[in-house]
């Protein structure tokens, strides 16, 4: 797995936030780990997919957390 610098992502629009498919999870070597929901995938306009991992070696899925500009915390789920 190569390292992607952030510049190619700068200016990209997010076009979808969705659940990771079973095929995508299989490509990562991940199992659902008793999860109620699959991991979240963020898709940009050029087709780039971004998803959280629990570590830099890709040893399992993680969760996206964030904070609004007003300081309110949130997390993303794959629920619709």
Protein backbone atom coordinates (compact mmCIF):
# COMPACT_ATOMS: atom_id res chain seq x y z
CA UNK A 1 0.00 0.00 0.00
CA UNK A 2 1.48 3.33 -1.02
CA UNK A 3 1.34 6.62 0.82
CA UNK A 4 -0.92 9.26 -0.72
CA UNK A 5 -0.08 12.85 0.04
CA UNK A 6 -3.07 15.08 0.79
CA UNK A 7 -2.60 17.34 -2.25
CA UNK A 8 -4.54 15.05 -4.66
CA UNK A 9 -7.48 15.24 -2.23
CA UNK A 10 -7.40 19.01 -1.84
CA UNK A 11 -10.30 20.61 -3.66
CA UNK A 12 -12.06 17.31 -4.35
CA UNK A 13 -15.79 17.34 -3.68
CA UNK A 14 -17.36 14.58 -1.63
CA UNK A 15 -20.04 12.96 -3.76
CA UNK A 16 -21.09 10.10 -1.49
CA UNK A 17 -20.86 8.82 2.07
CA UNK A 18 -21.91 5.19 2.16
CA UNK A 19 -21.44 1.77 3.70
CA UNK A 20 -18.41 -0.25 2.60
CA UNK A 21 -19.40 -3.16 0.39
CA UNK A 22 -18.56 -6.76 1.22
CA UNK A 23 -16.20 -6.84 -1.80
CA UNK A 24 -14.35 -3.73 -0.55
CA UNK A 25 -14.04 -5.23 2.92
CA UNK A 26 -12.69 -8.47 1.41
CA UNK A 27 -10.05 -6.53 -0.60
CA UNK A 28 -8.85 -4.99 2.68
CA UNK A 29 -8.78 -8.41 4.35
CA UNK A 30 -11.38 -7.27 6.90
CA UNK A 31 -14.22 -9.13 8.55
CA UNK A 32 -17.25 -7.53 10.13
CA UNK A 33 -15.91 -8.15 13.66
CA UNK A 34 -19.39 -8.45 15.16
CA UNK A 35 -20.24 -4.99 13.86
CA UNK A 36 -23.85 -4.00 13.54
CA UNK A 37 -22.91 -1.74 10.63
CA UNK A 38 -20.16 -1.90 8.01
CA UNK A 39 -17.47 0.81 7.90
CA UNK A 40 -18.14 4.20 6.29
CA UNK A 41 -16.63 5.08 2.89
CA UNK A 42 -16.27 8.67 1.69
CA UNK A 43 -16.17 8.92 -2.12
CA UNK A 44 -14.78 11.94 -3.95
CA UNK A 45 -15.75 13.21 -7.39
CA UNK A 46 -12.79 11.47 -9.07
CA UNK A 47 -13.77 8.10 -7.56
CA UNK A 48 -11.23 8.11 -4.71
CA UNK A 49 -12.52 6.19 -1.67
CA UNK A 50 -11.51 7.11 1.87
CA UNK A 51 -12.19 4.97 4.94
CA UNK A 52 -10.92 4.75 8.49
CA UNK A 53 -8.60 1.99 9.68
CA UNK A 54 -7.73 1.22 13.27
CA UNK A 55 -4.02 1.55 12.51
CA UNK A 56 -1.58 2.41 9.73
CA UNK A 57 -1.06 -1.27 8.89
CA UNK A 58 -4.73 -1.70 7.94
CA UNK A 59 -5.45 -4.26 10.68
CA UNK A 60 -9.17 -3.57 10.71
CA UNK A 61 -11.77 -0.94 10.25
CA UNK A 62 -12.21 2.18 12.32
CA UNK A 63 -14.65 5.04 12.76
CA UNK A 64 -14.56 8.63 11.49
CA UNK A 65 -14.92 11.29 14.17
CA UNK A 66 -15.09 15.01 13.57
CA UNK A 67 -15.88 18.41 14.94
CA UNK A 68 -17.93 21.19 13.36
CA UNK A 69 -16.50 24.69 13.09
CA UNK A 70 -18.65 25.53 16.14
CA UNK A 71 -16.92 22.79 18.14
CA UNK A 72 -19.74 20.23 18.17
CA UNK A 73 -18.43 16.67 17.98
CA UNK A 74 -19.87 14.02 15.65
CA UNK A 75 -19.13 10.62 14.17
CA UNK A 76 -20.16 9.03 10.86
CA UNK A 77 -22.10 5.81 10.60
CA UNK A 78 -23.09 3.81 7.56
CA UNK A 79 -26.77 3.84 8.60
CA UNK A 80 -29.14 5.40 6.09
